[in-house]
Amino acid sequence: MARREHSRAELARKLESTGFVQQDIAPLLDEFETKNWLSDRRFAESYVADHRARAGSVKLAYDLRQRGVSDVIIESGIE
């Protein structure tokens, strides 16, 4: 089974859509980040590596912003 990285915002939306209570999501995602199971930086690096051949920097930055990745991470991930 192939798995891909998810941004924090993507995972929060998925959890909410499957019935998780919104107030429980942030602490859960904080725990995932503490355990290094979730990383927006790792997600951005993976996304850029997978899409670099088909998209320019502006498109990659836009796509990452749409997935909830911060501008600081985007700038370092696209370079």
PDB file of N, CA and C in Angstrom:
ATOM      1  N   MET A   1       0.842  -1.167   0.000  1.00  0.00           N
ATOM      2  CA  MET A   1       0.000   0.000   0.000  1.00  0.00           C
ATOM      3  C   MET A   1       0.895   1.241   0.000  1.00  0.00           C
ATOM      4  N   ALA A   2       0.660   2.119  -0.931  1.00  0.00           N
ATOM      5  CA  ALA A   2       1.431   3.358  -1.018  1.00  0.00           C
ATOM      6  C   ALA A   2       0.838   4.384  -0.057  1.00  0.00           C
ATOM      7  N   ARG A   3       1.710   5.080   0.617  1.00  0.00           N
ATOM      8  CA  ARG A   3       1.268   6.144   1.531  1.00  0.00           C
ATOM      9  C   ARG A   3       2.017   7.406   1.188  1.00  0.00           C
ATOM     10  N   ARG A   4       1.374   8.527   1.408  1.00  0.00           N
ATOM     11  CA  ARG A   4       2.024   9.799   1.156  1.00  0.00           C
ATOM     12  C   ARG A   4       1.967  10.650   2.407  1.00  0.00           C
ATOM     13  N   GLU A   5       2.827  11.626   2.444  1.00  0.00           N
ATOM     14  CA  GLU A   5       2.814  12.581   3.546  1.00  0.00           C
ATOM     15  C   GLU A   5       1.552  13.442   3.442  1.00  0.00           C
ATOM     16  N   HIS A   6       1.100  13.951   4.561  1.00  0.00           N
ATOM     17  CA  HIS A   6      -0.023  14.885   4.602  1.00  0.00           C
ATOM     18  C   HIS A   6       0.403  16.118   5.396  1.00  0.00           C
ATOM     19  N   SER A   7      -0.124  17.253   5.014  1.00  0.00           N
ATOM     20  CA  SER A   7       0.105  18.454   5.811  1.00  0.00           C
ATOM     21  C   SER A   7      -0.802  18.392   7.037  1.00  0.00           C
ATOM     22  N   ARG A   8      -0.482  19.191   8.026  1.00  0.00           N
ATOM     23  CA  ARG A   8      -1.299  19.240   9.241  1.00  0.00           C
ATOM     24  C   ARG A   8      -2.738  19.635   8.893  1.00  0.00           C
ATOM     25  N   ALA A   9      -2.886  20.635   8.027  1.00  0.00           N
ATOM     26  CA  ALA A   9      -4.231  21.102   7.657  1.00  0.00           C
ATOM     27  C   ALA A   9      -5.019  20.017   6.927  1.00  0.00           C
ATOM     28  N   GLU A  10      -4.359  19.296   6.024  1.00  0.00           N
ATOM     29  CA  GLU A  10      -5.036  18.201   5.311  1.00  0.00           C
ATOM     30  C   GLU A  10      -5.526  17.137   6.281  1.00  0.00           C
ATOM     31  N   LEU A  11      -4.649  16.747   7.187  1.00  0.00           N
ATOM     32  CA  LEU A  11      -5.012  15.700   8.139  1.00  0.00           C
ATOM     33  C   LEU A  11      -6.126  16.174   9.072  1.00  0.00           C
ATOM     34  N   ALA A  12      -6.094  17.434   9.471  1.00  0.00           N
ATOM     35  CA  ALA A  12      -7.165  17.977  10.314  1.00  0.00           C
ATOM     36  C   ALA A  12      -8.502  17.915   9.578  1.00  0.00           C
ATOM     37  N   ARG A  13      -8.510  18.286   8.294  1.00  0.00           N
ATOM     38  CA  ARG A  13      -9.752  18.216   7.499  1.00  0.00           C
ATOM     39  C   ARG A  13     -10.245  16.771   7.379  1.00  0.00           C
ATOM     40  N   LYS A  14      -9.316  15.842   7.148  1.00  0.00           N
ATOM     41  CA  LYS A  14      -9.714  14.437   7.026  1.00  0.00           C
ATOM     42  C   LYS A  14     -10.307  13.917   8.334  1.00  0.00           C
ATOM     43  N   LEU A  15      -9.665  14.231   9.444  1.00  0.00           N
ATOM     44  CA  LEU A  15     -10.163  13.767  10.733  1.00  0.00           C
ATOM     45  C   LEU A  15     -11.541  14.354  11.038  1.00  0.00           C
ATOM     46  N   GLU A  16     -11.710  15.635  10.738  1.00  0.00           N
ATOM     47  CA  GLU A  16     -13.003  16.275  10.981  1.00  0.00           C
ATOM     48  C   GLU A  16     -14.098  15.647  10.106  1.00  0.00           C
ATOM     49  N   SER A  17     -13.760  15.351   8.866  1.00  0.00           N
ATOM     50  CA  SER A  17     -14.763  14.780   7.958  1.00  0.00           C
ATOM     51  C   SER A  17     -15.148  13.345   8.321  1.00  0.00           C
ATOM     52  N   THR A  18     -14.289  12.681   9.086  1.00  0.00           N
ATOM     53  CA  THR A  18     -14.618  11.307   9.490  1.00  0.00           C
ATOM     54  C   THR A  18     -15.249  11.246  10.878  1.00  0.00           C
ATOM     55  N   GLY A  19     -15.542  12.418  11.469  1.00  0.00           N
ATOM     56  CA  GLY A  19     -16.301  12.440  12.702  1.00  0.00           C
ATOM     57  C   GLY A  19     -15.530  12.775  13.967  1.00  0.00           C
ATOM     58  N   PHE A  20     -14.239  13.046  13.863  1.00  0.00           N
ATOM     59  CA  PHE A  20     -13.504  13.449  15.054  1.00  0.00           C
ATOM     60  C   PHE A  20     -14.012  14.807  15.523  1.00  0.00           C
ATOM     61  N   VAL A  21     -14.087  14.986  16.823  1.00  0.00           N
ATOM     62  CA  VAL A  21     -14.518  16.251  17.401  1.00  0.00           C
ATOM     63  C   VAL A  21     -13.409  17.273  17.197  1.00  0.00           C
ATOM     64  N   GLN A  22     -13.779  18.450  16.713  1.00  0.00           N
ATOM     65  CA  GLN A  22     -12.795  19.460  16.342  1.00  0.00           C
ATOM     66  C   GLN A  22     -11.848  19.810  17.495  1.00  0.00           C
ATOM     67  N   GLN A  23     -12.347  19.873  18.711  1.00  0.00           N
ATOM     68  CA  GLN A  23     -11.493  20.246  19.843  1.00  0.00           C
ATOM     69  C   GLN A  23     -10.480  19.157  20.199  1.00  0.00           C
ATOM     70  N   ASP A  24     -10.687  17.925  19.718  1.00  0.00           N
ATOM     71  CA  ASP A  24      -9.745  16.844  19.972  1.00  0.00           C
ATOM     72  C   ASP A  24      -8.654  16.751  18.905  1.00  0.00           C
ATOM     73  N   ILE A  25      -8.863  17.389  17.768  1.00  0.00           N
ATOM     74  CA  ILE A  25      -7.951  17.239  16.642  1.00  0.00           C
ATOM     75  C   ILE A  25      -6.603  17.900  16.899  1.00  0.00           C
ATOM     76  N   ALA A  26      -6.589  19.152  17.370  1.00  0.00           N
ATOM     77  CA  ALA A  26      -5.322  19.878  17.572  1.00  0.00           C
ATOM     78  C   ALA A  26      -4.383  19.153  18.535  1.00  0.00           C
ATOM     79  N   PRO A  27      -4.868  18.698  19.714  1.00  0.00           N
ATOM     80  CA  PRO A  27      -3.952  17.970  20.606  1.00  0.00           C
ATOM     81  C   PRO A  27      -3.416  16.679  19.980  1.00  0.00           C
ATOM     82  N   LEU A  28      -4.264  16.006  19.227  1.00  0.00           N
ATOM     83  CA  LEU A  28      -3.836  14.777  18.560  1.00  0.00           C
ATOM     84  C   LEU A  28      -2.735  15.078  17.544  1.00  0.00           C
ATOM     85  N   LEU A  29      -2.940  16.120  16.732  1.00  0.00           N
ATOM     86  CA  LEU A  29      -1.933  16.479  15.734  1.00  0.00           C
ATOM     87  C   LEU A  29      -0.651  16.991  16.390  1.00  0.00           C
ATOM     88  N   ASP A  30      -0.788  17.685  17.525  1.00  0.00           N
ATOM     89  CA  ASP A  30       0.401  18.113  18.275  1.00  0.00           C
ATOM     90  C   ASP A  30       1.215  16.884  18.707  1.00  0.00           C
ATOM     91  N   GLU A  31       0.525  15.861  19.170  1.00  0.00           N
ATOM     92  CA  GLU A  31       1.209  14.629  19.585  1.00  0.00           C
ATOM     93  C   GLU A  31       1.901  13.976  18.389  1.00  0.00           C
ATOM     94  N   PHE A  32       1.214  13.940  17.247  1.00  0.00           N
ATOM     95  CA  PHE A  32       1.813  13.364  16.035  1.00  0.00           C
ATOM     96  C   PHE A  32       3.084  14.119  15.645  1.00  0.00           C
ATOM     97  N   GLU A  33       3.053  15.455  15.764  1.00  0.00           N
ATOM     98  CA  GLU A  33       4.247  16.247  15.434  1.00  0.00           C
ATOM     99  C   GLU A  33       5.372  15.975  16.427  1.00  0.00           C
ATOM    100  N   THR A  34       5.026  15.857  17.700  1.00  0.00           N
ATOM    101  CA  THR A  34       6.031  15.566  18.727  1.00  0.00           C
ATOM    102  C   THR A  34       6.719  14.236  18.450  1.00  0.00           C
ATOM    103  N   LYS A  35       5.956  13.263  17.985  1.00  0.00           N
ATOM    104  CA  LYS A  35       6.509  11.938  17.674  1.00  0.00           C
ATOM    105  C   LYS A  35       7.101  11.869  16.270  1.00  0.00           C
ATOM    106  N   ASN A  36       7.087  12.993  15.571  1.00  0.00           N
ATOM    107  CA  ASN A  36       7.610  13.106  14.207  1.00  0.00           C
ATOM    108  C   ASN A  36       6.854  12.220  13.207  1.00  0.00           C
ATOM    109  N   TRP A  37       5.598  11.960  13.500  1.00  0.00           N
ATOM    110  CA  TRP A  37       4.749  11.219  12.570  1.00  0.00           C
ATOM    111  C   TRP A  37       4.134  12.164  11.545  1.00  0.00           C
ATOM    112  N   LEU A  38       4.137  13.451  11.866  1.00  0.00           N
ATOM    113  CA  LEU A  38       3.523  14.469  11.024  1.00  0.00           C
ATOM    114  C   LEU A  38       4.475  15.651  10.943  1.00  0.00           C
ATOM    115  N   SER A  39       4.736  16.119   9.721  1.00  0.00           N
ATOM    116  CA  SER A  39       5.647  17.244   9.539  1.00  0.00           C
ATOM    117  C   SER A  39       5.277  17.999   8.264  1.00  0.00           C
ATOM    118  N   ASP A  40       4.906  19.273   8.411  1.00  0.00           N
ATOM    119  CA  ASP A  40       4.625  20.091   7.227  1.00  0.00           C
ATOM    120  C   ASP A  40       5.877  20.264   6.374  1.00  0.00           C
ATOM    121  N   ARG A  41       7.037  20.342   7.017  1.00  0.00           N
ATOM    122  CA  ARG A  41       8.290  20.477   6.261  1.00  0.00           C
ATOM    123  C   ARG A  41       8.542  19.230   5.411  1.00  0.00           C
ATOM    124  N   ARG A  42       8.372  18.077   6.007  1.00  0.00           N
ATOM    125  CA  ARG A  42       8.570  16.826   5.274  1.00  0.00           C
ATOM    126  C   ARG A  42       7.532  16.688   4.157  1.00  0.00           C
ATOM    127  N   PHE A  43       6.286  17.087   4.453  1.00  0.00           N
ATOM    128  CA  PHE A  43       5.240  17.062   3.436  1.00  0.00           C
ATOM    129  C   PHE A  43       5.620  17.958   2.260  1.00  0.00           C
ATOM    130  N   ALA A  44       6.073  19.187   2.551  1.00  0.00           N
ATOM    131  CA  ALA A  44       6.432  20.126   1.482  1.00  0.00           C
ATOM    132  C   ALA A  44       7.581  19.583   0.641  1.00  0.00           C
ATOM    133  N   GLU A  45       8.592  19.030   1.282  1.00  0.00           N
ATOM    134  CA  GLU A  45       9.736  18.468   0.541  1.00  0.00           C
ATOM    135  C   GLU A  45       9.279  17.330  -0.368  1.00  0.00           C
ATOM    136  N   SER A  46       8.434  16.473   0.142  1.00  0.00           N
ATOM    137  CA  SER A  46       7.921  15.353  -0.635  1.00  0.00           C
ATOM    138  C   SER A  46       7.057  15.839  -1.797  1.00  0.00           C
ATOM    139  N   TYR A  47       6.197  16.808  -1.518  1.00  0.00           N
ATOM    140  CA  TYR A  47       5.306  17.343  -2.549  1.00  0.00           C
ATOM    141  C   TYR A  47       6.109  17.986  -3.677  1.00  0.00           C
ATOM    142  N   VAL A  48       7.095  18.796  -3.314  1.00  0.00           N
ATOM    143  CA  VAL A  48       7.927  19.458  -4.329  1.00  0.00           C
ATOM    144  C   VAL A  48       8.683  18.415  -5.150  1.00  0.00           C
ATOM    145  N   ALA A  49       9.242  17.418  -4.502  1.00  0.00           N
ATOM    146  CA  ALA A  49       9.982  16.375  -5.226  1.00  0.00           C
ATOM    147  C   ALA A  49       9.080  15.638  -6.213  1.00  0.00           C
ATOM    148  N   ASP A  50       7.854  15.382  -5.818  1.00  0.00           N
ATOM    149  CA  ASP A  50       6.916  14.648  -6.674  1.00  0.00           C
ATOM    150  C   ASP A  50       6.349  15.481  -7.817  1.00  0.00           C
ATOM    151  N   HIS A  51       6.291  16.811  -7.640  1.00  0.00           N
ATOM    152  CA  HIS A  51       5.620  17.664  -8.626  1.00  0.00           C
ATOM    153  C   HIS A  51       6.534  18.644  -9.356  1.00  0.00           C
ATOM    154  N   ARG A  52       7.803  18.685  -9.012  1.00  0.00           N
ATOM    155  CA  ARG A  52       8.739  19.658  -9.579  1.00  0.00           C
ATOM    156  C   ARG A  52       8.780  19.592 -11.112  1.00  0.00           C
ATOM    157  N   ALA A  53       8.744  18.400 -11.694  1.00  0.00           N
ATOM    158  CA  ALA A  53       8.864  18.241 -13.149  1.00  0.00           C
ATOM    159  C   ALA A  53       7.641  18.788 -13.891  1.00  0.00           C
ATOM    160  N   ARG A  54       6.494  18.846 -13.221  1.00  0.00           N
ATOM    161  CA  ARG A  54       5.261  19.256 -13.892  1.00  0.00           C
ATOM    162  C   ARG A  54       4.788  20.653 -13.519  1.00  0.00           C
ATOM    163  N   ALA A  55       5.447  21.278 -12.551  1.00  0.00           N
ATOM    164  CA  ALA A  55       4.969  22.582 -12.078  1.00  0.00           C
ATOM    165  C   ALA A  55       6.140  23.486 -11.723  1.00  0.00           C
ATOM    166  N   GLY A  56       5.966  24.755 -11.979  1.00  0.00           N
ATOM    167  CA  GLY A  56       6.977  25.736 -11.616  1.00  0.00           C
ATOM    168  C   GLY A  56       6.847  26.148 -10.161  1.00  0.00           C
ATOM    169  N   SER A  57       7.741  26.993  -9.734  1.00  0.00           N
ATOM    170  CA  SER A  57       7.788  27.418  -8.331  1.00  0.00           C
ATOM    171  C   SER A  57       6.513  28.119  -7.882  1.00  0.00           C
ATOM    172  N   VAL A  58       5.944  28.950  -8.744  1.00  0.00           N
ATOM    173  CA  VAL A  58       4.729  29.685  -8.370  1.00  0.00           C
ATOM    174  C   VAL A  58       3.574  28.708  -8.143  1.00  0.00           C
ATOM    175  N   LYS A  59       3.415  27.756  -9.026  1.00  0.00           N
ATOM    176  CA  LYS A  59       2.348  26.753  -8.901  1.00  0.00           C
ATOM    177  C   LYS A  59       2.572  25.875  -7.677  1.00  0.00           C
ATOM    178  N   LEU A  60       3.812  25.461  -7.453  1.00  0.00           N
ATOM    179  CA  LEU A  60       4.108  24.643  -6.270  1.00  0.00           C
ATOM    180  C   LEU A  60       3.778  25.404  -4.992  1.00  0.00           C
ATOM    181  N   ALA A  61       4.170  26.672  -4.929  1.00  0.00           N
ATOM    182  CA  ALA A  61       3.894  27.491  -3.747  1.00  0.00           C
ATOM    183  C   ALA A  61       2.383  27.623  -3.533  1.00  0.00           C
ATOM    184  N   TYR A  62       1.653  27.870  -4.606  1.00  0.00           N
ATOM    185  CA  TYR A  62       0.197  27.978  -4.521  1.00  0.00           C
ATOM    186  C   TYR A  62      -0.416  26.681  -3.983  1.00  0.00           C
ATOM    187  N   ASP A  63      -0.012  25.569  -4.562  1.00  0.00           N
ATOM    188  CA  ASP A  63      -0.546  24.269  -4.144  1.00  0.00           C
ATOM    189  C   ASP A  63      -0.255  23.986  -2.673  1.00  0.00           C
ATOM    190  N   LEU A  64       0.949  24.306  -2.230  1.00  0.00           N
ATOM    191  CA  LEU A  64       1.308  24.076  -0.829  1.00  0.00           C
ATOM    192  C   LEU A  64       0.495  24.981   0.094  1.00  0.00           C
ATOM    193  N   ARG A  65       0.297  26.254  -0.305  1.00  0.00           N
ATOM    194  CA  ARG A  65      -0.534  27.156   0.507  1.00  0.00           C
ATOM    195  C   ARG A  65      -1.952  26.599   0.628  1.00  0.00           C
ATOM    196  N   GLN A  66      -2.475  26.055  -0.463  1.00  0.00           N
ATOM    197  CA  GLN A  66      -3.824  25.479  -0.448  1.00  0.00           C
ATOM    198  C   GLN A  66      -3.905  24.284   0.504  1.00  0.00           C
ATOM    199  N   ARG A  67      -2.783  23.668   0.761  1.00  0.00           N
ATOM    200  CA  ARG A  67      -2.742  22.514   1.664  1.00  0.00           C
ATOM    201  C   ARG A  67      -2.344  22.914   3.086  1.00  0.00           C
ATOM    202  N   GLY A  68      -2.312  24.228   3.353  1.00  0.00           N
ATOM    203  CA  GLY A  68      -2.107  24.727   4.705  1.00  0.00           C
ATOM    204  C   GLY A  68      -0.663  24.855   5.156  1.00  0.00           C
ATOM    205  N   VAL A  69       0.287  24.806   4.227  1.00  0.00           N
ATOM    206  CA  VAL A  69       1.704  24.905   4.583  1.00  0.00           C
ATOM    207  C   VAL A  69       2.080  26.383   4.704  1.00  0.00           C
ATOM    208  N   SER A  70       2.845  26.728   5.720  1.00  0.00           N
ATOM    209  CA  SER A  70       3.228  28.121   5.963  1.00  0.00           C
ATOM    210  C   SER A  70       4.215  28.628   4.905  1.00  0.00           C
ATOM    211  N   ASP A  71       4.215  29.940   4.710  1.00  0.00           N
ATOM    212  CA  ASP A  71       5.115  30.550   3.725  1.00  0.00           C
ATOM    213  C   ASP A  71       6.582  30.300   4.051  1.00  0.00           C
ATOM    214  N   VAL A  72       6.934  30.249   5.330  1.00  0.00           N
ATOM    215  CA  VAL A  72       8.319  30.006   5.724  1.00  0.00           C
ATOM    216  C   VAL A  72       8.770  28.624   5.227  1.00  0.00           C
ATOM    217  N   ILE A  73       7.938  27.633   5.425  1.00  0.00           N
ATOM    218  CA  ILE A  73       8.262  26.280   4.980  1.00  0.00           C
ATOM    219  C   ILE A  73       8.258  26.205   3.463  1.00  0.00           C
ATOM    220  N   ILE A  74       7.303  26.882   2.828  1.00  0.00           N
ATOM    221  CA  ILE A  74       7.236  26.886   1.363  1.00  0.00           C
ATOM    222  C   ILE A  74       8.507  27.466   0.772  1.00  0.00           C
ATOM    223  N   GLU A  75       8.949  28.601   1.272  1.00  0.00           N
ATOM    224  CA  GLU A  75      10.154  29.248   0.742  1.00  0.00           C
ATOM    225  C   GLU A  75      11.373  28.354   0.869  1.00  0.00           C
ATOM    226  N   SER A  76      11.512  27.669   1.984  1.00  0.00           N
ATOM    227  CA  SER A  76      12.673  26.806   2.155  1.00  0.00           C
ATOM    228  C   SER A  76      12.518  25.502   1.370  1.00  0.00           C
ATOM    229  N   GLY A  77      11.290  25.051   1.153  1.00  0.00           N
ATOM    230  CA  GLY A  77      11.061  23.804   0.446  1.00  0.00           C
ATOM    231  C   GLY A  77      11.197  23.896  -1.061  1.00  0.00           C
ATOM    232  N   ILE A  78      10.953  25.077  -1.616  1.00  0.00           N
ATOM    233  CA  ILE A  78      11.003  25.235  -3.069  1.00  0.00           C
ATOM    234  C   ILE A  78      12.414  25.530  -3.556  1.00  0.00           C
ATOM    235  N   GLU A  79      13.239  26.068  -2.698  1.00  0.00           N
ATOM    236  CA  GLU A  79      14.602  26.430  -3.116  1.00  0.00           C
ATOM    237  C   GLU A  79      15.402  25.228  -3.586  1.00  0.00           C
TER     238      GLU A  79
END
